[in-house]
mmCIF file of all heavy atoms, coordinates in Angstrom:
data_MODEL
# 
_entry.id   MODEL 
# 
loop_
_atom_site.group_PDB 
_atom_site.id 
_atom_site.type_symbol 
_atom_site.label_atom_id 
_atom_site.label_alt_id 
_atom_site.label_comp_id 
_atom_site.label_asym_id 
_atom_site.label_entity_id 
_atom_site.label_seq_id 
_atom_site.pdbx_PDB_ins_code 
_atom_site.Cartn_x 
_atom_site.Cartn_y 
_atom_site.Cartn_z 
_atom_site.occupancy 
_atom_site.B_iso_or_equiv 
_atom_site.pdbx_formal_charge 
_atom_site.auth_seq_id 
_atom_site.auth_comp_id 
_atom_site.auth_asym_id 
_atom_site.auth_atom_id 
_atom_site.pdbx_PDB_model_num 
ATOM 1   N N   . ALA A 1 1  ? 145.574 62.400 86.492  1.00 0.00 ? 1  ALA A N   1 
ATOM 2   C CA  . ALA A 1 1  ? 146.124 63.661 86.975  1.00 0.00 ? 1  ALA A CA  1 
ATOM 3   C C   . ALA A 1 1  ? 146.940 64.313 85.874  1.00 0.00 ? 1  ALA A C   1 
ATOM 4   O O   . ALA A 1 1  ? 147.548 63.633 85.037  1.00 0.00 ? 1  ALA A O   1 
ATOM 5   C CB  . ALA A 1 1  ? 146.988 63.441 88.212  1.00 0.00 ? 1  ALA A CB  1 
ATOM 6   N N   . SER A 1 2  ? 146.959 65.637 85.882  1.00 0.00 ? 2  SER A N   1 
ATOM 7   C CA  . SER A 1 2  ? 147.792 66.385 84.953  1.00 0.00 ? 2  SER A CA  1 
ATOM 8   C C   . SER A 1 2  ? 149.210 66.483 85.514  1.00 0.00 ? 2  SER A C   1 
ATOM 9   O O   . SER A 1 2  ? 149.459 66.192 86.687  1.00 0.00 ? 2  SER A O   1 
ATOM 10  C CB  . SER A 1 2  ? 147.231 67.784 84.743  1.00 0.00 ? 2  SER A CB  1 
ATOM 11  O OG  . SER A 1 2  ? 147.373 68.561 85.932  1.00 0.00 ? 2  SER A OG  1 
ATOM 12  N N   . ALA A 1 3  ? 150.136 66.935 84.672  1.00 0.00 ? 3  ALA A N   1 
ATOM 13  C CA  . ALA A 1 3  ? 151.513 67.121 85.139  1.00 0.00 ? 3  ALA A CA  1 
ATOM 14  C C   . ALA A 1 3  ? 151.570 68.167 86.245  1.00 0.00 ? 3  ALA A C   1 
ATOM 15  O O   . ALA A 1 3  ? 152.355 68.038 87.192  1.00 0.00 ? 3  ALA A O   1 
ATOM 16  C CB  . ALA A 1 3  ? 152.408 67.518 83.971  1.00 0.00 ? 3  ALA A CB  1 
ATOM 17  N N   . HIS A 1 4  ? 150.730 69.200 86.143  1.00 0.00 ? 4  HIS A N   1 
ATOM 18  C CA  . HIS A 1 4  ? 150.685 70.206 87.208  1.00 0.00 ? 4  HIS A CA  1 
ATOM 19  C C   . HIS A 1 4  ? 150.168 69.598 88.518  1.00 0.00 ? 4  HIS A C   1 
ATOM 20  O O   . HIS A 1 4  ? 150.706 69.877 89.592  1.00 0.00 ? 4  HIS A O   1 
ATOM 21  C CB  . HIS A 1 4  ? 149.786 71.378 86.785  1.00 0.00 ? 4  HIS A CB  1 
ATOM 22  C CG  . HIS A 1 4  ? 150.461 72.357 85.883  1.00 0.00 ? 4  HIS A CG  1 
ATOM 23  N ND1 . HIS A 1 4  ? 151.497 73.163 86.296  1.00 0.00 ? 4  HIS A ND1 1 
ATOM 24  C CD2 . HIS A 1 4  ? 150.254 72.651 84.571  1.00 0.00 ? 4  HIS A CD2 1 
ATOM 25  C CE1 . HIS A 1 4  ? 151.904 73.923 85.288  1.00 0.00 ? 4  HIS A CE1 1 
ATOM 26  N NE2 . HIS A 1 4  ? 151.168 73.632 84.233  1.00 0.00 ? 4  HIS A NE2 1 
ATOM 27  N N   . ASP A 1 5  ? 149.145 68.751 88.425  1.00 0.00 ? 5  ASP A N   1 
ATOM 28  C CA  . ASP A 1 5  ? 148.619 68.086 89.621  1.00 0.00 ? 5  ASP A CA  1 
ATOM 29  C C   . ASP A 1 5  ? 149.710 67.254 90.300  1.00 0.00 ? 5  ASP A C   1 
ATOM 30  O O   . ASP A 1 5  ? 149.866 67.275 91.523  1.00 0.00 ? 5  ASP A O   1 
ATOM 31  C CB  . ASP A 1 5  ? 147.444 67.177 89.268  1.00 0.00 ? 5  ASP A CB  1 
ATOM 32  C CG  . ASP A 1 5  ? 146.237 67.943 88.747  1.00 0.00 ? 5  ASP A CG  1 
ATOM 33  O OD1 . ASP A 1 5  ? 146.089 69.119 89.109  1.00 0.00 ? 5  ASP A OD1 1 
ATOM 34  O OD2 . ASP A 1 5  ? 145.450 67.345 87.975  1.00 0.00 ? 5  ASP A OD2 1 
ATOM 35  N N   . ILE A 1 6  ? 150.432 66.511 89.491  1.00 0.00 ? 6  ILE A N   1 
ATOM 36  C CA  . ILE A 1 6  ? 151.480 65.634 90.022  1.00 0.00 ? 6  ILE A CA  1 
ATOM 37  C C   . ILE A 1 6  ? 152.586 66.464 90.670  1.00 0.00 ? 6  ILE A C   1 
ATOM 38  O O   . ILE A 1 6  ? 153.085 66.135 91.757  1.00 0.00 ? 6  ILE A O   1 
ATOM 39  C CB  . ILE A 1 6  ? 152.049 64.739 88.906  1.00 0.00 ? 6  ILE A CB  1 
ATOM 40  C CG1 . ILE A 1 6  ? 150.951 63.825 88.345  1.00 0.00 ? 6  ILE A CG1 1 
ATOM 41  C CG2 . ILE A 1 6  ? 153.221 63.907 89.423  1.00 0.00 ? 6  ILE A CG2 1 
ATOM 42  C CD1 . ILE A 1 6  ? 151.345 63.115 87.062  1.00 0.00 ? 6  ILE A CD1 1 
ATOM 43  N N   . THR A 1 7  ? 152.982 67.557 90.009  1.00 0.00 ? 7  THR A N   1 
ATOM 44  C CA  . THR A 1 7  ? 154.025 68.432 90.556  1.00 0.00 ? 7  THR A CA  1 
ATOM 45  C C   . THR A 1 7  ? 153.619 68.975 91.914  1.00 0.00 ? 7  THR A C   1 
ATOM 46  O O   . THR A 1 7  ? 154.403 68.955 92.876  1.00 0.00 ? 7  THR A O   1 
ATOM 47  C CB  . THR A 1 7  ? 154.309 69.594 89.591  1.00 0.00 ? 7  THR A CB  1 
ATOM 48  O OG1 . THR A 1 7  ? 154.690 69.075 88.312  1.00 0.00 ? 7  THR A OG1 1 
ATOM 49  C CG2 . THR A 1 7  ? 155.426 70.483 90.131  1.00 0.00 ? 7  THR A CG2 1 
ATOM 50  N N   . ASN A 1 8  ? 152.392 69.461 92.009  1.00 0.00 ? 8  ASN A N   1 
ATOM 51  C CA  . ASN A 1 8  ? 151.925 70.040 93.269  1.00 0.00 ? 8  ASN A CA  1 
ATOM 52  C C   . ASN A 1 8  ? 151.825 69.008 94.381  1.00 0.00 ? 8  ASN A C   1 
ATOM 53  O O   . ASN A 1 8  ? 151.969 69.340 95.560  1.00 0.00 ? 8  ASN A O   1 
ATOM 54  C CB  . ASN A 1 8  ? 150.569 70.718 93.054  1.00 0.00 ? 8  ASN A CB  1 
ATOM 55  C CG  . ASN A 1 8  ? 150.678 71.946 92.178  1.00 0.00 ? 8  ASN A CG  1 
ATOM 56  O OD1 . ASN A 1 8  ? 151.726 72.593 92.122  1.00 0.00 ? 8  ASN A OD1 1 
ATOM 57  N ND2 . ASN A 1 8  ? 149.606 72.274 91.477  1.00 0.00 ? 8  ASN A ND2 1 
ATOM 58  N N   . GLN A 1 9  ? 151.608 67.755 94.006  1.00 0.00 ? 9  GLN A N   1 
ATOM 59  C CA  . GLN A 1 9  ? 151.517 66.692 95.004  1.00 0.00 ? 9  GLN A CA  1 
ATOM 60  C C   . GLN A 1 9  ? 152.901 66.210 95.436  1.00 0.00 ? 9  GLN A C   1 
ATOM 61  O O   . GLN A 1 9  ? 153.205 66.131 96.628  1.00 0.00 ? 9  GLN A O   1 
ATOM 62  C CB  . GLN A 1 9  ? 150.720 65.518 94.429  1.00 0.00 ? 9  GLN A CB  1 
ATOM 63  C CG  . GLN A 1 9  ? 150.583 64.319 95.341  1.00 0.00 ? 9  GLN A CG  1 
ATOM 64  C CD  . GLN A 1 9  ? 149.536 64.514 96.415  1.00 0.00 ? 9  GLN A CD  1 
ATOM 65  O OE1 . GLN A 1 9  ? 148.781 65.469 96.386  1.00 0.00 ? 9  GLN A OE1 1 
ATOM 66  N NE2 . GLN A 1 9  ? 149.511 63.612 97.382  1.00 0.00 ? 9  GLN A NE2 1 
ATOM 67  N N   . VAL A 1 10 ? 153.748 65.905 94.479  1.00 0.00 ? 10 VAL A N   1 
ATOM 68  C CA  . VAL A 1 10 ? 155.044 65.289 94.771  1.00 0.00 ? 10 VAL A CA  1 
ATOM 69  C C   . VAL A 1 10 ? 156.061 66.317 95.270  1.00 0.00 ? 10 VAL A C   1 
ATOM 70  O O   . VAL A 1 10 ? 156.913 66.008 96.111  1.00 0.00 ? 10 VAL A O   1 
ATOM 71  C CB  . VAL A 1 10 ? 155.579 64.552 93.522  1.00 0.00 ? 10 VAL A CB  1 
ATOM 72  C CG1 . VAL A 1 10 ? 156.987 64.009 93.760  1.00 0.00 ? 10 VAL A CG1 1 
ATOM 73  C CG2 . VAL A 1 10 ? 154.635 63.415 93.140  1.00 0.00 ? 10 VAL A CG2 1 
ATOM 74  N N   . TYR A 1 11 ? 155.971 67.539 94.758  1.00 0.00 ? 11 TYR A N   1 
ATOM 75  C CA  . TYR A 1 11 ? 156.946 68.572 95.110  1.00 0.00 ? 11 TYR A CA  1 
ATOM 76  C C   . TYR A 1 11 ? 156.309 69.687 95.926  1.00 0.00 ? 11 TYR A C   1 
ATOM 77  O O   . TYR A 1 11 ? 156.721 70.854 95.832  1.00 0.00 ? 11 TYR A O   1 
ATOM 78  C CB  . TYR A 1 11 ? 157.594 69.136 93.849  1.00 0.00 ? 11 TYR A CB  1 
ATOM 79  C CG  . TYR A 1 11 ? 158.494 68.158 93.133  1.00 0.00 ? 11 TYR A CG  1 
ATOM 80  C CD1 . TYR A 1 11 ? 158.043 67.456 92.015  1.00 0.00 ? 11 TYR A CD1 1 
ATOM 81  C CD2 . TYR A 1 11 ? 159.793 67.926 93.575  1.00 0.00 ? 11 TYR A CD2 1 
ATOM 82  C CE1 . TYR A 1 11 ? 158.870 66.547 91.357  1.00 0.00 ? 11 TYR A CE1 1 
ATOM 83  C CE2 . TYR A 1 11 ? 160.629 67.020 92.931  1.00 0.00 ? 11 TYR A CE2 1 
ATOM 84  C CZ  . TYR A 1 11 ? 160.152 66.343 91.817  1.00 0.00 ? 11 TYR A CZ  1 
ATOM 85  O OH  . TYR A 1 11 ? 160.977 65.455 91.171  1.00 0.00 ? 11 TYR A OH  1 
ATOM 86  N N   . ALA A 1 12 ? 155.326 69.343 96.758  1.00 0.00 ? 12 ALA A N   1 
ATOM 87  C CA  . ALA A 1 12 ? 154.640 70.352 97.569  1.00 0.00 ? 12 ALA A CA  1 
ATOM 88  C C   . ALA A 1 12 ? 155.600 71.056 98.524  1.00 0.00 ? 12 ALA A C   1 
ATOM 89  O O   . ALA A 1 12 ? 155.342 72.196 98.941  1.00 0.00 ? 12 ALA A O   1 
ATOM 90  C CB  . ALA A 1 12 ? 153.505 69.695 98.353  1.00 0.00 ? 12 ALA A CB  1 
ATOM 91  N N   . HIS A 1 13 ? 156.708 70.419 98.863  1.00 0.00 ? 13 HIS A N   1 
ATOM 92  C CA  . HIS A 1 13 ? 157.657 71.001 99.807  1.00 0.00 ? 13 HIS A CA  1 
ATOM 93  C C   . HIS A 1 13 ? 158.582 72.019 99.163  1.00 0.00 ? 13 HIS A C   1 
ATOM 94  O O   . HIS A 1 13 ? 159.315 72.730 99.871  1.00 0.00 ? 13 HIS A O   1 
ATOM 95  C CB  . HIS A 1 13 ? 158.508 69.888 100.416 1.00 0.00 ? 13 HIS A CB  1 
ATOM 96  C CG  . HIS A 1 13 ? 159.313 69.126 99.392  1.00 0.00 ? 13 HIS A CG  1 
ATOM 97  N ND1 . HIS A 1 13 ? 158.729 68.226 98.509  1.00 0.00 ? 13 HIS A ND1 1 
ATOM 98  C CD2 . HIS A 1 13 ? 160.643 69.133 99.107  1.00 0.00 ? 13 HIS A CD2 1 
ATOM 99  C CE1 . HIS A 1 13 ? 159.664 67.703 97.741  1.00 0.00 ? 13 HIS A CE1 1 
ATOM 100 N NE2 . HIS A 1 13 ? 160.826 68.245 98.071  1.00 0.00 ? 13 HIS A NE2 1 
ATOM 101 N N   . LYS A 1 14 ? 158.579 72.117 97.830  1.00 0.00 ? 14 LYS A N   1 
ATOM 102 C CA  . LYS A 1 14 ? 159.480 73.024 97.144  1.00 0.00 ? 14 LYS A CA  1 
ATOM 103 C C   . LYS A 1 14 ? 158.990 74.467 97.240  1.00 0.00 ? 14 LYS A C   1 
ATOM 104 O O   . LYS A 1 14 ? 157.786 74.720 97.170  1.00 0.00 ? 14 LYS A O   1 
ATOM 105 C CB  . LYS A 1 14 ? 159.611 72.636 95.670  1.00 0.00 ? 14 LYS A CB  1 
ATOM 106 C CG  . LYS A 1 14 ? 160.282 71.295 95.407  1.00 0.00 ? 14 LYS A CG  1 
ATOM 107 C CD  . LYS A 1 14 ? 161.783 71.373 95.610  1.00 0.00 ? 14 LYS A CD  1 
ATOM 108 C CE  . LYS A 1 14 ? 162.467 70.084 95.179  1.00 0.00 ? 14 LYS A CE  1 
ATOM 109 N NZ  . LYS A 1 14 ? 163.923 70.119 95.432  1.00 0.00 ? 14 LYS A NZ  1 
ATOM 110 N N   . PRO A 1 15 ? 159.905 75.431 97.365  1.00 0.00 ? 15 PRO A N   1 
ATOM 111 C CA  . PRO A 1 15 ? 159.490 76.831 97.317  1.00 0.00 ? 15 PRO A CA  1 
ATOM 112 C C   . PRO A 1 15 ? 158.981 77.185 95.922  1.00 0.00 ? 15 PRO A C   1 
ATOM 113 O O   . PRO A 1 15 ? 159.356 76.529 94.935  1.00 0.00 ? 15 PRO A O   1 
ATOM 114 C CB  . PRO A 1 15 ? 160.773 77.600 97.659  1.00 0.00 ? 15 PRO A CB  1 
ATOM 115 C CG  . PRO A 1 15 ? 161.884 76.661 97.329  1.00 0.00 ? 15 PRO A CG  1 
ATOM 116 C CD  . PRO A 1 15 ? 161.359 75.286 97.580  1.00 0.00 ? 15 PRO A CD  1 
ATOM 117 N N   . PRO A 1 16 ? 158.141 78.203 95.805  1.00 0.00 ? 16 PRO A N   1 
ATOM 118 C CA  . PRO A 1 16 ? 157.520 78.539 94.510  1.00 0.00 ? 16 PRO A CA  1 
ATOM 119 C C   . PRO A 1 16 ? 158.525 78.762 93.382  1.00 0.00 ? 16 PRO A C   1 
ATOM 120 O O   . PRO A 1 16 ? 158.265 78.382 92.239  1.00 0.00 ? 16 PRO A O   1 
ATOM 121 C CB  . PRO A 1 16 ? 156.743 79.822 94.825  1.00 0.00 ? 16 PRO A CB  1 
ATOM 122 C CG  . PRO A 1 16 ? 156.460 79.743 96.285  1.00 0.00 ? 16 PRO A CG  1 
ATOM 123 C CD  . PRO A 1 16 ? 157.632 79.053 96.898  1.00 0.00 ? 16 PRO A CD  1 
ATOM 124 N N   . GLU A 1 17 ? 159.691 79.342 93.704  1.00 0.00 ? 17 GLU A N   1 
ATOM 125 C CA  . GLU A 1 17 ? 160.657 79.645 92.647  1.00 0.00 ? 17 GLU A CA  1 
ATOM 126 C C   . GLU A 1 17 ? 161.292 78.394 92.052  1.00 0.00 ? 17 GLU A C   1 
ATOM 127 O O   . GLU A 1 17 ? 161.915 78.459 90.983  1.00 0.00 ? 17 GLU A O   1 
ATOM 128 C CB  . GLU A 1 17 ? 161.753 80.582 93.164  1.00 0.00 ? 17 GLU A CB  1 
ATOM 129 C CG  . GLU A 1 17 ? 162.618 80.017 94.274  1.00 0.00 ? 17 GLU A CG  1 
ATOM 130 C CD  . GLU A 1 17 ? 162.077 80.304 95.666  1.00 0.00 ? 17 GLU A CD  1 
ATOM 131 O OE1 . GLU A 1 17 ? 160.869 80.618 95.792  1.00 0.00 ? 17 GLU A OE1 1 
ATOM 132 O OE2 . GLU A 1 17 ? 162.868 80.196 96.628  1.00 0.00 ? 17 GLU A OE2 1 
ATOM 133 N N   . LEU A 1 18 ? 161.131 77.237 92.702  1.00 0.00 ? 18 LEU A N   1 
ATOM 134 C CA  . LEU A 1 18 ? 161.708 75.989 92.187  1.00 0.00 ? 18 LEU A CA  1 
ATOM 135 C C   . LEU A 1 18 ? 160.662 75.076 91.549  1.00 0.00 ? 18 LEU A C   1 
ATOM 136 O O   . LEU A 1 18 ? 161.007 74.015 91.032  1.00 0.00 ? 18 LEU A O   1 
ATOM 137 C CB  . LEU A 1 18 ? 162.413 75.236 93.313  1.00 0.00 ? 18 LEU A CB  1 
ATOM 138 C CG  . LEU A 1 18 ? 163.634 75.924 93.930  1.00 0.00 ? 18 LEU A CG  1 
ATOM 139 C CD1 . LEU A 1 18 ? 164.250 75.053 95.006  1.00 0.00 ? 18 LEU A CD1 1 
ATOM 140 C CD2 . LEU A 1 18 ? 164.673 76.269 92.865  1.00 0.00 ? 18 LEU A CD2 1 
ATOM 141 N N   . LEU A 1 19 ? 159.400 75.488 91.552  1.00 0.00 ? 19 LEU A N   1 
ATOM 142 C CA  . LEU A 1 19 ? 158.357 74.616 91.020  1.00 0.00 ? 19 LEU A CA  1 
ATOM 143 C C   . LEU A 1 19 ? 158.421 74.484 89.506  1.00 0.00 ? 19 LEU A C   1 
ATOM 144 O O   . LEU A 1 19 ? 157.983 73.479 88.946  1.00 0.00 ? 19 LEU A O   1 
ATOM 145 C CB  . LEU A 1 19 ? 156.976 75.122 91.459  1.00 0.00 ? 19 LEU A CB  1 
ATOM 146 C CG  . LEU A 1 19 ? 156.638 74.877 92.937  1.00 0.00 ? 19 LEU A CG  1 
ATOM 147 C CD1 . LEU A 1 19 ? 155.267 75.434 93.267  1.00 0.00 ? 19 LEU A CD1 1 
ATOM 148 C CD2 . LEU A 1 19 ? 156.696 73.379 93.260  1.00 0.00 ? 19 LEU A CD2 1 
ATOM 149 N N   . GLY A 1 20 ? 158.960 75.496 88.824  1.00 0.00 ? 20 GLY A N   1 
ATOM 150 C CA  . GLY A 1 20 ? 159.122 75.379 87.372  1.00 0.00 ? 20 GLY A CA  1 
ATOM 151 C C   . GLY A 1 20 ? 160.066 74.254 87.003  1.00 0.00 ? 20 GLY A C   1 
ATOM 152 O O   . GLY A 1 20 ? 159.770 73.430 86.127  1.00 0.00 ? 20 GLY A O   1 
ATOM 153 N N   . ALA A 1 21 ? 161.205 74.194 87.693  1.00 0.00 ? 21 ALA A N   1 
ATOM 154 C CA  . ALA A 1 21 ? 162.160 73.105 87.458  1.00 0.00 ? 21 ALA A CA  1 
ATOM 155 C C   . ALA A 1 21 ? 161.564 71.768 87.869  1.00 0.00 ? 21 ALA A C   1 
ATOM 156 O O   . ALA A 1 21 ? 161.781 70.744 87.203  1.00 0.00 ? 21 ALA A O   1 
ATOM 157 C CB  . ALA A 1 21 ? 163.455 73.366 88.223  1.00 0.00 ? 21 ALA A CB  1 
ATOM 158 N N   . ALA A 1 22 ? 160.793 71.769 88.967  1.00 0.00 ? 22 ALA A N   1 
ATOM 159 C CA  . ALA A 1 22 ? 160.143 70.533 89.412  1.00 0.00 ? 22 ALA A CA  1 
ATOM 160 C C   . ALA A 1 22 ? 159.145 70.044 88.367  1.00 0.00 ? 22 ALA A C   1 
ATOM 161 O O   . ALA A 1 22 ? 159.043 68.836 88.097  1.00 0.00 ? 22 ALA A O   1 
ATOM 162 C CB  . ALA A 1 22 ? 159.448 70.762 90.752  1.00 0.00 ? 22 ALA A CB  1 
ATOM 163 N N   . PHE A 1 23 ? 158.407 70.977 87.761  1.00 0.00 ? 23 PHE A N   1 
ATOM 164 C CA  . PHE A 1 23 ? 157.444 70.613 86.727  1.00 0.00 ? 23 PHE A CA  1 
ATOM 165 C C   . PHE A 1 23 ? 158.144 69.958 85.537  1.00 0.00 ? 23 PHE A C   1 
ATOM 166 O O   . PHE A 1 23 ? 157.683 68.929 85.010  1.00 0.00 ? 23 PHE A O   1 
ATOM 167 C CB  . PHE A 1 23 ? 156.679 71.857 86.268  1.00 0.00 ? 23 PHE A CB  1 
ATOM 168 C CG  . PHE A 1 23 ? 155.725 71.616 85.141  1.00 0.00 ? 23 PHE A CG  1 
ATOM 169 C CD1 . PHE A 1 23 ? 154.460 71.097 85.381  1.00 0.00 ? 23 PHE A CD1 1 
ATOM 170 C CD2 . PHE A 1 23 ? 156.082 71.906 83.829  1.00 0.00 ? 23 PHE A CD2 1 
ATOM 171 C CE1 . PHE A 1 23 ? 153.570 70.873 84.338  1.00 0.00 ? 23 PHE A CE1 1 
ATOM 172 C CE2 . PHE A 1 23 ? 155.200 71.687 82.782  1.00 0.00 ? 23 PHE A CE2 1 
ATOM 173 C CZ  . PHE A 1 23 ? 153.942 71.173 83.043  1.00 0.00 ? 23 PHE A CZ  1 
ATOM 174 N N   . ILE A 1 24 ? 159.258 70.535 85.117  1.00 0.00 ? 24 ILE A N   1 
ATOM 175 C CA  . ILE A 1 24 ? 160.022 69.963 84.001  1.00 0.00 ? 24 ILE A CA  1 
ATOM 176 C C   . ILE A 1 24 ? 160.492 68.553 84.358  1.00 0.00 ? 24 ILE A C   1 
ATOM 177 O O   . ILE A 1 24 ? 160.459 67.635 83.532  1.00 0.00 ? 24 ILE A O   1 
ATOM 178 C CB  . ILE A 1 24 ? 161.209 70.875 83.640  1.00 0.00 ? 24 ILE A CB  1 
ATOM 179 C CG1 . ILE A 1 24 ? 160.691 72.189 83.048  1.00 0.00 ? 24 ILE A CG1 1 
ATOM 180 C CG2 . ILE A 1 24 ? 162.151 70.182 82.657  1.00 0.00 ? 24 ILE A CG2 1 
ATOM 181 C CD1 . ILE A 1 24 ? 161.776 73.227 82.836  1.00 0.00 ? 24 ILE A CD1 1 
ATOM 182 N N   . GLN A 1 25 ? 160.923 68.368 85.606  1.00 0.00 ? 25 GLN A N   1 
ATOM 183 C CA  . GLN A 1 25 ? 161.373 67.043 86.010  1.00 0.00 ? 25 GLN A CA  1 
ATOM 184 C C   . GLN A 1 25 ? 160.224 66.046 86.046  1.00 0.00 ? 25 GLN A C   1 
ATOM 185 O O   . GLN A 1 25 ? 160.400 64.867 85.704  1.00 0.00 ? 25 GLN A O   1 
ATOM 186 C CB  . GLN A 1 25 ? 162.060 67.113 87.374  1.00 0.00 ? 25 GLN A CB  1 
ATOM 187 C CG  . GLN A 1 25 ? 162.972 65.939 87.657  1.00 0.00 ? 25 GLN A CG  1 
ATOM 188 C CD  . GLN A 1 25 ? 164.190 65.906 86.731  1.00 0.00 ? 25 GLN A CD  1 
ATOM 189 O OE1 . GLN A 1 25 ? 165.311 65.980 87.162  1.00 0.00 ? 25 GLN A OE1 1 
ATOM 190 N NE2 . GLN A 1 25 ? 163.998 65.779 85.433  1.00 0.00 ? 25 GLN A NE2 1 
ATOM 191 N N   . VAL A 1 26 ? 159.030 66.491 86.429  1.00 0.00 ? 26 VAL A N   1 
ATOM 192 C CA  . VAL A 1 26 ? 157.858 65.618 86.392  1.00 0.00 ? 26 VAL A CA  1 
ATOM 193 C C   . VAL A 1 26 ? 157.579 65.170 84.965  1.00 0.00 ? 26 VAL A C   1 
ATOM 194 O O   . VAL A 1 26 ? 157.249 63.993 84.723  1.00 0.00 ? 26 VAL A O   1 
ATOM 195 C CB  . VAL A 1 26 ? 156.626 66.330 87.005  1.00 0.00 ? 26 VAL A CB  1 
ATOM 196 C CG1 . VAL A 1 26 ? 155.333 65.613 86.616  1.00 0.00 ? 26 VAL A CG1 1 
ATOM 197 C CG2 . VAL A 1 26 ? 156.754 66.376 88.518  1.00 0.00 ? 26 VAL A CG2 1 
ATOM 198 N N   . ILE A 1 27 ? 157.721 66.082 83.999  1.00 0.00 ? 27 ILE A N   1 
ATOM 199 C CA  . ILE A 1 27 ? 157.534 65.699 82.599  1.00 0.00 ? 27 ILE A CA  1 
ATOM 200 C C   . ILE A 1 27 ? 158.513 64.596 82.217  1.00 0.00 ? 27 ILE A C   1 
ATOM 201 O O   . ILE A 1 27 ? 158.158 63.618 81.536  1.00 0.00 ? 27 ILE A O   1 
ATOM 202 C CB  . ILE A 1 27 ? 157.698 66.914 81.670  1.00 0.00 ? 27 ILE A CB  1 
ATOM 203 C CG1 . ILE A 1 27 ? 156.623 67.968 81.953  1.00 0.00 ? 27 ILE A CG1 1 
ATOM 204 C CG2 . ILE A 1 27 ? 157.668 66.493 80.212  1.00 0.00 ? 27 ILE A CG2 1 
ATOM 205 C CD1 . ILE A 1 27 ? 155.210 67.485 81.735  1.00 0.00 ? 27 ILE A CD1 1 
# 
């Protein structure tokens, strides 16, 4: 899985405006 795939799976509950920070945390 890519980092984007993982973010969308693990942080699916986050609102769109917080997904950027979630992506950085996945990295």
